[in-house]
Amino acid sequence: MNGLIRKDKRNIQLSAIACVDNEYGDGFGAHLNFDPAMVCAEGQAEVEKNGDLGKPYPHRRFARLWLSADHDAARARSVAKKWSNLGLPGAIDET
């Protein structure tokens, strides 16, 4: 990595939205760089049209979005890991 990049100390703006219960103060979610203009269905259609799912995450046009295929894959990994921890048949080997 170029040493000059580490010396660049400019500030960047980060935006976030959070959901908090006013009565109890419980936080339900904080979403960094939330984009209220983004419509999930439109993003999903664009991804399917341009073949973004076949690209590595950093090279996707909508890399910041949590796509339905990404959600399904993460859910499958989570279920397989739980099954593996319980010693149930059908678990995947993570080695």
C-alpha atoms as a PDB file:
ATOM      1  CA  MET A   1       0.000   0.000   0.000  1.00  0.00           C
ATOM      2  CA  ASN A   2       1.244   3.446  -0.839  1.00  0.00           C
ATOM      3  CA  GLY A   3       2.409   5.395   2.233  1.00  0.00           C
ATOM      4  CA  LEU A   4       0.821   8.593   0.915  1.00  0.00           C
ATOM      5  CA  ILE A   5      -2.663   7.147   1.329  1.00  0.00           C
ATOM      6  CA  ARG A   6      -2.111   6.639   5.069  1.00  0.00           C
ATOM      7  CA  LYS A   7      -1.089  10.282   5.405  1.00  0.00           C
ATOM      8  CA  ASP A   8      -4.356  11.520   3.880  1.00  0.00           C
ATOM      9  CA  LYS A   9      -6.336  12.594   6.965  1.00  0.00           C
ATOM     10  CA  ARG A  10      -9.265  14.364   5.309  1.00  0.00           C
ATOM     11  CA  ASN A  11     -12.638  14.001   6.984  1.00  0.00           C
ATOM     12  CA  ILE A  12     -15.403  12.096   5.265  1.00  0.00           C
ATOM     13  CA  GLN A  13     -19.118  12.478   5.889  1.00  0.00           C
ATOM     14  CA  LEU A  14     -21.037   9.454   7.130  1.00  0.00           C
ATOM     15  CA  SER A  15     -24.807   9.536   7.466  1.00  0.00           C
ATOM     16  CA  ALA A  16     -26.874   7.138   9.529  1.00  0.00           C
ATOM     17  CA  ILE A  17     -30.428   6.487  10.607  1.00  0.00           C
ATOM     18  CA  ALA A  18     -31.337   4.776  13.875  1.00  0.00           C
ATOM     19  CA  CYS A  19     -34.543   3.446  15.425  1.00  0.00           C
ATOM     20  CA  VAL A  20     -34.875   3.964  19.183  1.00  0.00           C
ATOM     21  CA  ASP A  21     -37.752   3.438  21.599  1.00  0.00           C
ATOM     22  CA  ASN A  22     -38.448   6.821  23.217  1.00  0.00           C
ATOM     23  CA  GLU A  23     -39.882   5.356  26.412  1.00  0.00           C
ATOM     24  CA  TYR A  24     -37.224   2.753  27.221  1.00  0.00           C
ATOM     25  CA  GLY A  25     -34.289   3.976  25.134  1.00  0.00           C
ATOM     26  CA  ASP A  26     -33.775   0.619  23.422  1.00  0.00           C
ATOM     27  CA  GLY A  27     -32.018   0.826  20.065  1.00  0.00           C
ATOM     28  CA  PHE A  28     -33.448  -1.378  17.316  1.00  0.00           C
ATOM     29  CA  GLY A  29     -31.097  -0.612  14.476  1.00  0.00           C
ATOM     30  CA  ALA A  30     -28.545   1.842  13.197  1.00  0.00           C
ATOM     31  CA  HIS A  31     -27.915   1.931   9.473  1.00  0.00           C
ATOM     32  CA  LEU A  32     -24.750   3.640   8.308  1.00  0.00           C
ATOM     33  CA  ASN A  33     -24.982   5.557   5.032  1.00  0.00           C
ATOM     34  CA  PHE A  34     -28.708   4.868   4.751  1.00  0.00           C
ATOM     35  CA  ASP A  35     -30.031   5.842   1.330  1.00  0.00           C
ATOM     36  CA  PRO A  36     -33.754   6.671   1.555  1.00  0.00           C
ATOM     37  CA  ALA A  37     -33.965   7.156  -2.225  1.00  0.00           C
ATOM     38  CA  MET A  38     -33.011   3.531  -2.930  1.00  0.00           C
ATOM     39  CA  VAL A  39     -35.943   1.233  -3.675  1.00  0.00           C
ATOM     40  CA  CYS A  40     -35.089  -2.408  -2.992  1.00  0.00           C
ATOM     41  CA  ALA A  41     -37.084  -3.854  -5.886  1.00  0.00           C
ATOM     42  CA  GLU A  42     -35.465  -1.467  -8.369  1.00  0.00           C
ATOM     43  CA  GLY A  43     -31.979  -2.320  -7.118  1.00  0.00           C
ATOM     44  CA  GLN A  44     -32.722  -6.040  -7.290  1.00  0.00           C
ATOM     45  CA  ALA A  45     -34.009  -5.730 -10.879  1.00  0.00           C
ATOM     46  CA  GLU A  46     -30.923  -3.753 -11.933  1.00  0.00           C
ATOM     47  CA  VAL A  47     -28.623  -6.345 -10.356  1.00  0.00           C
ATOM     48  CA  GLU A  48     -30.339  -9.170 -12.208  1.00  0.00           C
ATOM     49  CA  LYS A  49     -30.239  -7.225 -15.468  1.00  0.00           C
ATOM     50  CA  ASN A  50     -26.517  -6.374 -15.365  1.00  0.00           C
ATOM     51  CA  GLY A  51     -25.265  -9.656 -13.848  1.00  0.00           C
ATOM     52  CA  ASP A  52     -23.884  -8.145 -10.645  1.00  0.00           C
ATOM     53  CA  LEU A  53     -24.407 -11.345  -8.652  1.00  0.00           C
ATOM     54  CA  GLY A  54     -21.658 -13.074 -10.630  1.00  0.00           C
ATOM     55  CA  LYS A  55     -19.121 -10.431  -9.628  1.00  0.00           C
ATOM     56  CA  PRO A  56     -17.084 -10.234  -6.405  1.00  0.00           C
ATOM     57  CA  TYR A  57     -18.710  -7.935  -3.813  1.00  0.00           C
ATOM     58  CA  PRO A  58     -16.270  -5.016  -4.223  1.00  0.00           C
ATOM     59  CA  HIS A  59     -16.837  -4.942  -7.996  1.00  0.00           C
ATOM     60  CA  ARG A  60     -20.624  -4.850  -7.881  1.00  0.00           C
ATOM     61  CA  ARG A  61     -22.421  -1.676  -8.867  1.00  0.00           C
ATOM     62  CA  PHE A  62     -24.720  -2.028  -5.856  1.00  0.00           C
ATOM     63  CA  ALA A  63     -22.178  -3.503  -3.442  1.00  0.00           C
ATOM     64  CA  ARG A  64     -23.759  -1.590  -0.569  1.00  0.00           C
ATOM     65  CA  LEU A  65     -27.082  -3.433  -0.927  1.00  0.00           C
ATOM     66  CA  TRP A  66     -28.075  -6.586   0.912  1.00  0.00           C
ATOM     67  CA  LEU A  67     -29.571  -8.538  -1.992  1.00  0.00           C
ATOM     68  CA  SER A  68     -32.051 -11.393  -1.667  1.00  0.00           C
ATOM     69  CA  ALA A  69     -29.480 -13.873  -3.032  1.00  0.00           C
ATOM     70  CA  ASP A  70     -26.933 -12.661  -0.451  1.00  0.00           C
ATOM     71  CA  HIS A  71     -29.540 -13.041   2.285  1.00  0.00           C
ATOM     72  CA  ASP A  72     -30.449 -16.565   1.155  1.00  0.00           C
ATOM     73  CA  ALA A  73     -26.784 -17.628   1.049  1.00  0.00           C
ATOM     74  CA  ALA A  74     -26.087 -16.175   4.510  1.00  0.00           C
ATOM     75  CA  ARG A  75     -29.183 -17.886   5.902  1.00  0.00           C
ATOM     76  CA  ALA A  76     -28.144 -21.238   4.423  1.00  0.00           C
ATOM     77  CA  ARG A  77     -24.652 -20.899   5.951  1.00  0.00           C
ATOM     78  CA  SER A  78     -26.152 -19.998   9.326  1.00  0.00           C
ATOM     79  CA  VAL A  79     -28.518 -22.981   9.324  1.00  0.00           C
ATOM     80  CA  ALA A  80     -25.740 -25.346   8.226  1.00  0.00           C
ATOM     81  CA  LYS A  81     -23.468 -24.061  11.001  1.00  0.00           C
ATOM     82  CA  LYS A  82     -26.197 -24.535  13.626  1.00  0.00           C
ATOM     83  CA  TRP A  83     -26.808 -28.074  12.377  1.00  0.00           C
ATOM     84  CA  SER A  84     -23.072 -28.761  12.488  1.00  0.00           C
ATOM     85  CA  ASN A  85     -22.821 -27.466  16.066  1.00  0.00           C
ATOM     86  CA  LEU A  86     -25.682 -29.770  17.058  1.00  0.00           C
ATOM     87  CA  GLY A  87     -24.192 -32.743  15.214  1.00  0.00           C
ATOM     88  CA  LEU A  88     -27.266 -33.148  13.024  1.00  0.00           C
ATOM     89  CA  PRO A  89     -27.120 -34.955   9.669  1.00  0.00           C
ATOM     90  CA  GLY A  90     -26.957 -32.752   6.611  1.00  0.00           C
ATOM     91  CA  ALA A  91     -24.529 -30.297   8.190  1.00  0.00           C
ATOM     92  CA  ILE A  92     -21.745 -28.968   6.017  1.00  0.00           C
ATOM     93  CA  ASP A  93     -18.100 -29.394   6.849  1.00  0.00           C
ATOM     94  CA  GLU A  94     -16.511 -25.931   7.293  1.00  0.00           C
ATOM     95  CA  THR A  95     -12.905 -27.119   7.149  1.00  0.00           C
END
